[in-house]
Amino acid sequence: MSKDHTEDKLVQETTINYFRETLEWETAYAHNTEILGKDGSFGREDEKAVILTRYLSQALETLKYDHLFVSLPVESYSDFEVEERSQFVFNHIYQQYAGAEDNVYAAVSC
């Protein structure tokens, strides 16, 4: 097979370019170069990890401060309560992801 007709070239690179150029997403290509671990390339402990918890945590922080506080009476919540509830939301999203073993949504049919 020609090097121009590999899965990497035809599927992965094309998809990454679409995400970056059309959707204006920040992308990273780390095939065979990713460093695993909490302080690695994406913070994944192993290649089976689908959720990039480092980025999910950052996105939830942004959501919390940029959107949630706009409509809630912030003065009625202590910093501790905000962090506690934010951690609860993060844990819920992480644990209930479709690939998680303990998924409350698994019983719901589409």
C-alpha atoms as a PDB file:
ATOM      1  CA  MET A   1       0.000   0.000   0.000  1.00  0.00           C
ATOM      2  CA  SER A   2       1.240   3.425  -0.894  1.00  0.00           C
ATOM      3  CA  LYS A   3       2.217   5.746   1.958  1.00  0.00           C
ATOM      4  CA  ASP A   4      -0.390   8.185   0.612  1.00  0.00           C
ATOM      5  CA  HIS A   5      -3.196   5.652   1.145  1.00  0.00           C
ATOM      6  CA  THR A   6      -2.755   4.714   4.778  1.00  0.00           C
ATOM      7  CA  GLU A   7      -5.454   4.986   7.438  1.00  0.00           C
ATOM      8  CA  ASP A   8      -3.371   7.713   9.042  1.00  0.00           C
ATOM      9  CA  LYS A   9      -3.270   9.801   5.868  1.00  0.00           C
ATOM     10  CA  LEU A  10      -6.798   9.138   4.601  1.00  0.00           C
ATOM     11  CA  VAL A  11      -8.769   9.212   7.852  1.00  0.00           C
ATOM     12  CA  GLN A  12      -6.906  10.625  10.807  1.00  0.00           C
ATOM     13  CA  GLU A  13      -5.033  13.460   9.152  1.00  0.00           C
ATOM     14  CA  THR A  14      -8.075  14.463   7.091  1.00  0.00           C
ATOM     15  CA  THR A  15     -10.309  14.495  10.172  1.00  0.00           C
ATOM     16  CA  ILE A  16      -7.822  16.471  12.237  1.00  0.00           C
ATOM     17  CA  ASN A  17      -7.483  19.030   9.433  1.00  0.00           C
ATOM     18  CA  TYR A  18     -11.282  19.338   9.241  1.00  0.00           C
ATOM     19  CA  PHE A  19     -11.550  19.920  12.996  1.00  0.00           C
ATOM     20  CA  ARG A  20      -8.810  22.547  12.907  1.00  0.00           C
ATOM     21  CA  GLU A  21      -9.616  24.367   9.664  1.00  0.00           C
ATOM     22  CA  THR A  22     -13.406  24.107   9.423  1.00  0.00           C
ATOM     23  CA  LEU A  23     -14.536  23.907  13.041  1.00  0.00           C
ATOM     24  CA  GLU A  24     -11.590  25.979  14.331  1.00  0.00           C
ATOM     25  CA  TRP A  25     -10.882  23.459  17.079  1.00  0.00           C
ATOM     26  CA  GLU A  26      -7.509  23.238  18.760  1.00  0.00           C
ATOM     27  CA  THR A  27      -6.027  19.930  17.643  1.00  0.00           C
ATOM     28  CA  ALA A  28      -2.986  17.836  18.431  1.00  0.00           C
ATOM     29  CA  TYR A  29      -1.663  14.816  16.601  1.00  0.00           C
ATOM     30  CA  ALA A  30       0.255  12.528  18.920  1.00  0.00           C
ATOM     31  CA  HIS A  31       0.216   9.144  17.174  1.00  0.00           C
ATOM     32  CA  ASN A  32       3.159   7.148  18.556  1.00  0.00           C
ATOM     33  CA  THR A  33       4.484  10.252  20.329  1.00  0.00           C
ATOM     34  CA  GLU A  34       2.029  10.735  23.201  1.00  0.00           C
ATOM     35  CA  ILE A  35       3.507  10.709  26.682  1.00  0.00           C
ATOM     36  CA  LEU A  36       1.113   9.027  29.111  1.00  0.00           C
ATOM     37  CA  GLY A  37       0.579  10.046  32.740  1.00  0.00           C
ATOM     38  CA  LYS A  38      -0.904  12.910  34.694  1.00  0.00           C
ATOM     39  CA  ASP A  39       1.768  15.326  33.456  1.00  0.00           C
ATOM     40  CA  GLY A  40       1.976  13.767  29.982  1.00  0.00           C
ATOM     41  CA  SER A  41       0.809  15.097  26.645  1.00  0.00           C
ATOM     42  CA  PHE A  42      -2.920  15.048  27.459  1.00  0.00           C
ATOM     43  CA  GLY A  43      -2.996  13.820  31.052  1.00  0.00           C
ATOM     44  CA  ARG A  44      -4.218  10.330  30.130  1.00  0.00           C
ATOM     45  CA  GLU A  45      -3.038   7.519  32.399  1.00  0.00           C
ATOM     46  CA  ASP A  46      -3.357   4.967  29.577  1.00  0.00           C
ATOM     47  CA  GLU A  47      -4.507   4.773  25.963  1.00  0.00           C
ATOM     48  CA  LYS A  48      -7.933   3.455  26.971  1.00  0.00           C
ATOM     49  CA  ALA A  49      -8.828   6.752  28.663  1.00  0.00           C
ATOM     50  CA  VAL A  50     -11.313   8.561  26.425  1.00  0.00           C
ATOM     51  CA  ILE A  51     -12.064  11.595  28.563  1.00  0.00           C
ATOM     52  CA  LEU A  52      -9.190  14.026  28.842  1.00  0.00           C
ATOM     53  CA  THR A  53      -9.860  14.974  32.454  1.00  0.00           C
ATOM     54  CA  ARG A  54      -7.351  17.821  32.416  1.00  0.00           C
ATOM     55  CA  TYR A  55      -9.301  19.577  29.668  1.00  0.00           C
ATOM     56  CA  LEU A  56     -12.721  18.636  31.023  1.00  0.00           C
ATOM     57  CA  SER A  57     -11.788  20.214  34.369  1.00  0.00           C
ATOM     58  CA  GLN A  58     -10.599  23.382  32.626  1.00  0.00           C
ATOM     59  CA  ALA A  59     -13.775  23.564  30.519  1.00  0.00           C
ATOM     60  CA  LEU A  60     -15.962  23.164  33.596  1.00  0.00           C
ATOM     61  CA  GLU A  61     -14.047  25.920  35.375  1.00  0.00           C
ATOM     62  CA  THR A  62     -14.635  28.227  32.412  1.00  0.00           C
ATOM     63  CA  LEU A  63     -18.305  27.266  32.293  1.00  0.00           C
ATOM     64  CA  LYS A  64     -18.643  27.833  36.015  1.00  0.00           C
ATOM     65  CA  TYR A  65     -17.150  31.319  36.022  1.00  0.00           C
ATOM     66  CA  ASP A  66     -18.255  32.583  32.596  1.00  0.00           C
ATOM     67  CA  HIS A  67     -21.810  31.275  32.476  1.00  0.00           C
ATOM     68  CA  LEU A  68     -23.060  29.855  35.743  1.00  0.00           C
ATOM     69  CA  PHE A  69     -22.203  32.838  37.931  1.00  0.00           C
ATOM     70  CA  VAL A  70     -23.905  35.221  35.516  1.00  0.00           C
ATOM     71  CA  SER A  71     -27.355  33.930  36.456  1.00  0.00           C
ATOM     72  CA  LEU A  72     -26.925  32.694  40.025  1.00  0.00           C
ATOM     73  CA  PRO A  73     -26.815  34.765  43.198  1.00  0.00           C
ATOM     74  CA  VAL A  74     -23.092  34.153  43.758  1.00  0.00           C
ATOM     75  CA  GLU A  75     -23.072  35.813  47.157  1.00  0.00           C
ATOM     76  CA  SER A  76     -25.300  33.036  48.509  1.00  0.00           C
ATOM     77  CA  TYR A  77     -22.642  30.347  47.899  1.00  0.00           C
ATOM     78  CA  SER A  78     -19.345  30.065  49.728  1.00  0.00           C
ATOM     79  CA  ASP A  79     -16.212  29.229  47.750  1.00  0.00           C
ATOM     80  CA  PHE A  80     -16.249  25.808  49.399  1.00  0.00           C
ATOM     81  CA  GLU A  81     -19.839  25.158  48.264  1.00  0.00           C
ATOM     82  CA  VAL A  82     -19.031  26.221  44.714  1.00  0.00           C
ATOM     83  CA  GLU A  83     -15.997  23.926  44.569  1.00  0.00           C
ATOM     84  CA  GLU A  84     -17.941  21.060  46.159  1.00  0.00           C
ATOM     85  CA  ARG A  85     -20.782  21.339  43.635  1.00  0.00           C
ATOM     86  CA  SER A  86     -18.359  21.785  40.737  1.00  0.00           C
ATOM     87  CA  GLN A  87     -16.559  18.605  41.749  1.00  0.00           C
ATOM     88  CA  PHE A  88     -19.911  16.816  41.918  1.00  0.00           C
ATOM     89  CA  VAL A  89     -20.731  17.886  38.340  1.00  0.00           C
ATOM     90  CA  PHE A  90     -17.275  16.848  37.134  1.00  0.00           C
ATOM     91  CA  ASN A  91     -17.594  13.425  38.803  1.00  0.00           C
ATOM     92  CA  HIS A  92     -21.061  12.933  37.351  1.00  0.00           C
ATOM     93  CA  ILE A  93     -19.902  13.693  33.810  1.00  0.00           C
ATOM     94  CA  TYR A  94     -16.802  11.550  34.176  1.00  0.00           C
ATOM     95  CA  GLN A  95     -18.564   8.553  35.740  1.00  0.00           C
ATOM     96  CA  GLN A  96     -21.603   8.601  33.476  1.00  0.00           C
ATOM     97  CA  TYR A  97     -19.750   8.851  30.200  1.00  0.00           C
ATOM     98  CA  ALA A  98     -21.069   6.256  27.778  1.00  0.00           C
ATOM     99  CA  GLY A  99     -17.940   4.098  28.079  1.00  0.00           C
ATOM    100  CA  ALA A 100     -17.887   4.029  31.864  1.00  0.00           C
ATOM    101  CA  GLU A 101     -18.560   0.732  33.610  1.00  0.00           C
ATOM    102  CA  ASP A 102     -21.098   2.205  36.040  1.00  0.00           C
ATOM    103  CA  ASN A 103     -23.279   4.115  33.620  1.00  0.00           C
ATOM    104  CA  VAL A 104     -26.726   5.294  34.710  1.00  0.00           C
ATOM    105  CA  TYR A 105     -27.596   6.095  31.090  1.00  0.00           C
ATOM    106  CA  ALA A 106     -26.878   2.554  29.856  1.00  0.00           C
ATOM    107  CA  ALA A 107     -30.420   1.424  30.700  1.00  0.00           C
ATOM    108  CA  VAL A 108     -31.978   4.220  28.641  1.00  0.00           C
ATOM    109  CA  SER A 109     -32.673   3.189  25.073  1.00  0.00           C
ATOM    110  CA  CYS A 110     -32.322   5.623  22.218  1.00  0.00           C
END
